Amino acid sequence: MIKITALYRWHEGATFDHDYYHGEHMRIARAALQPLGLVRLESDRVLYPAEPRPGQVVALTNAFFSDLKQAQAAARQTAEALTADVPNYTNIAPESYFAQLLSHELPSAR
C-alpha cells in the first residue's frame, strides 16, 4: 500500500480554516481521487496545548492507494485542481511525500 501525505507547517502570519479543510476540501479530494484508485482518505487536525509555533504541523491528509504507479498517476492528474483550492482554507504552502506502508504484526497477548 502507498500513502500520499500532504502536510501544513505553521509560520508567522499563517491562517488555516480547519472546518473548510476537513469538510469541503476533503470532499473535493475524495471526488477527484476516488475514480483514480483511492482506497482510503484521512485528515488530521493536529492539536497542541497552546497556539502552534512556526514549523509545527497543524493539519495533514493521507490518501491511500494500492500501488505506487496508481498513486503517482492520481497525484499528477489531480494536483492542479487540489492546489487551486488551497487559498480557500490557508496561506500555508503544503508539503507532500509518498510512502510505502509496511506492516508489523503485534505478538499475541497471553
Protein backbone atom coordinates (compact mmCIF):
# COMPACT_ATOMS: atom_id res chain seq x y z
CA MET A 1 0.00 0.00 0.00
CA ILE A 2 1.19 3.53 -0.83
CA LYS A 3 0.32 6.64 1.16
CA ILE A 4 0.47 10.18 -0.17
CA THR A 5 0.75 12.69 2.67
CA ALA A 6 0.17 16.44 2.35
CA LEU A 7 1.05 18.47 5.43
CA TYR A 8 0.90 22.08 6.51
CA ARG A 9 3.58 23.69 8.72
CA TRP A 10 2.65 26.79 10.68
CA HIS A 11 4.50 30.07 10.10
CA GLU A 12 4.07 33.58 11.47
CA GLY A 13 1.04 35.18 9.87
CA ALA A 14 -0.41 31.82 8.81
CA THR A 15 -4.13 31.19 8.61
CA PHE A 16 -5.90 27.84 8.42
CA ASP A 17 -9.65 27.18 8.19
CA HIS A 18 -9.96 23.66 9.62
CA ASP A 19 -13.72 23.48 9.05
CA TYR A 20 -13.31 24.11 5.32
CA TYR A 21 -10.29 21.82 5.03
CA HIS A 22 -11.78 18.82 6.80
CA GLY A 23 -15.18 19.33 5.18
CA GLU A 24 -15.17 20.87 1.71
CA HIS A 25 -11.56 20.25 0.69
CA MET A 26 -11.78 16.58 1.71
CA ARG A 27 -15.00 16.29 -0.33
CA ILE A 28 -13.17 17.73 -3.36
CA ALA A 29 -10.15 15.44 -2.81
CA ARG A 30 -12.32 12.33 -2.40
CA ALA A 31 -14.32 13.12 -5.55
CA ALA A 32 -11.12 13.71 -7.55
CA LEU A 33 -9.09 10.76 -6.24
CA GLN A 34 -11.69 8.01 -5.85
CA PRO A 35 -12.07 7.30 -9.58
CA LEU A 36 -8.25 7.03 -9.73
CA GLY A 37 -7.94 4.22 -7.19
CA LEU A 38 -8.22 5.93 -3.80
CA VAL A 39 -8.59 3.23 -1.13
CA ARG A 40 -8.88 5.44 1.98
CA LEU A 41 -8.68 9.15 2.81
CA GLU A 42 -7.87 10.60 6.24
CA SER A 43 -7.36 14.13 7.50
CA ASP A 44 -5.84 15.20 10.81
CA ARG A 45 -6.21 18.40 12.80
CA VAL A 46 -3.05 18.43 14.89
CA LEU A 47 -3.65 19.62 18.45
CA TYR A 48 -1.19 21.47 20.70
CA PRO A 49 -1.59 22.69 24.29
CA ALA A 50 -1.07 26.28 23.07
CA GLU A 51 -1.06 28.15 19.77
CA PRO A 52 1.14 26.44 17.16
CA ARG A 53 4.72 27.61 16.79
CA PRO A 54 6.48 28.14 13.46
CA GLY A 55 7.41 24.82 11.89
CA GLN A 56 4.79 22.77 13.72
CA VAL A 57 2.39 20.76 11.57
CA VAL A 58 -1.21 21.97 12.03
CA ALA A 59 -3.01 19.66 9.58
CA LEU A 60 -2.33 16.78 7.24
CA THR A 61 -4.05 14.42 4.85
CA ASN A 62 -3.22 10.81 3.98
CA ALA A 63 -4.53 9.33 0.73
CA PHE A 64 -4.01 5.58 0.33
CA PHE A 65 -3.57 3.68 -2.95
CA SER A 66 -2.85 0.05 -3.84
CA ASP A 67 0.45 0.71 -5.62
CA LEU A 68 2.98 3.40 -6.48
CA LYS A 69 2.04 3.75 -10.17
CA GLN A 70 -1.58 4.33 -9.23
CA ALA A 71 -0.65 6.89 -6.55
CA GLN A 72 1.71 8.77 -8.88
CA ALA A 73 -0.88 8.89 -11.67
CA ALA A 74 -3.57 10.11 -9.26
CA ALA A 75 -1.26 12.82 -7.87
CA ARG A 76 -0.35 14.04 -11.36
CA GLN A 77 -3.94 14.10 -12.57
CA THR A 78 -5.39 15.92 -9.54
CA ALA A 79 -2.55 18.26 -8.49
CA GLU A 80 -3.89 21.28 -10.35
CA ALA A 81 -7.46 21.01 -9.02
CA LEU A 82 -6.41 20.27 -5.43
CA THR A 83 -3.78 23.02 -5.39
CA ALA A 84 -6.28 25.53 -6.79
CA ASP A 85 -8.45 25.02 -3.69
CA VAL A 86 -5.64 25.70 -1.16
CA PRO A 87 -6.23 29.51 -0.97
CA ASN A 88 -9.79 28.77 0.18
CA TYR A 89 -8.52 27.46 3.53
CA THR A 90 -4.90 28.53 4.12
CA ASN A 91 -1.94 30.67 3.14
CA ILE A 92 0.45 27.82 4.04
CA ALA A 93 2.13 26.03 1.12
CA PRO A 94 1.53 22.28 1.51
CA GLU A 95 4.42 19.82 1.59
CA SER A 96 3.86 16.31 0.27
CA TYR A 97 5.55 12.94 0.04
CA PHE A 98 4.86 9.32 -0.92
CA ALA A 99 5.49 6.43 1.49
CA GLN A 100 5.27 2.66 1.27
CA LEU A 101 3.37 1.20 4.23
CA LEU A 102 4.93 -1.80 5.89
CA SER A 103 3.02 -3.97 8.34
CA HIS A 104 4.49 -5.11 11.65
CA GLU A 105 2.27 -7.60 13.42
CA LEU A 106 1.95 -7.40 17.20
CA PRO A 107 2.69 -10.55 19.19
CA SER A 108 -0.34 -12.33 20.61
CA ALA A 109 -1.31 -11.36 24.16
CA ARG A 110 -1.10 -14.24 26.65
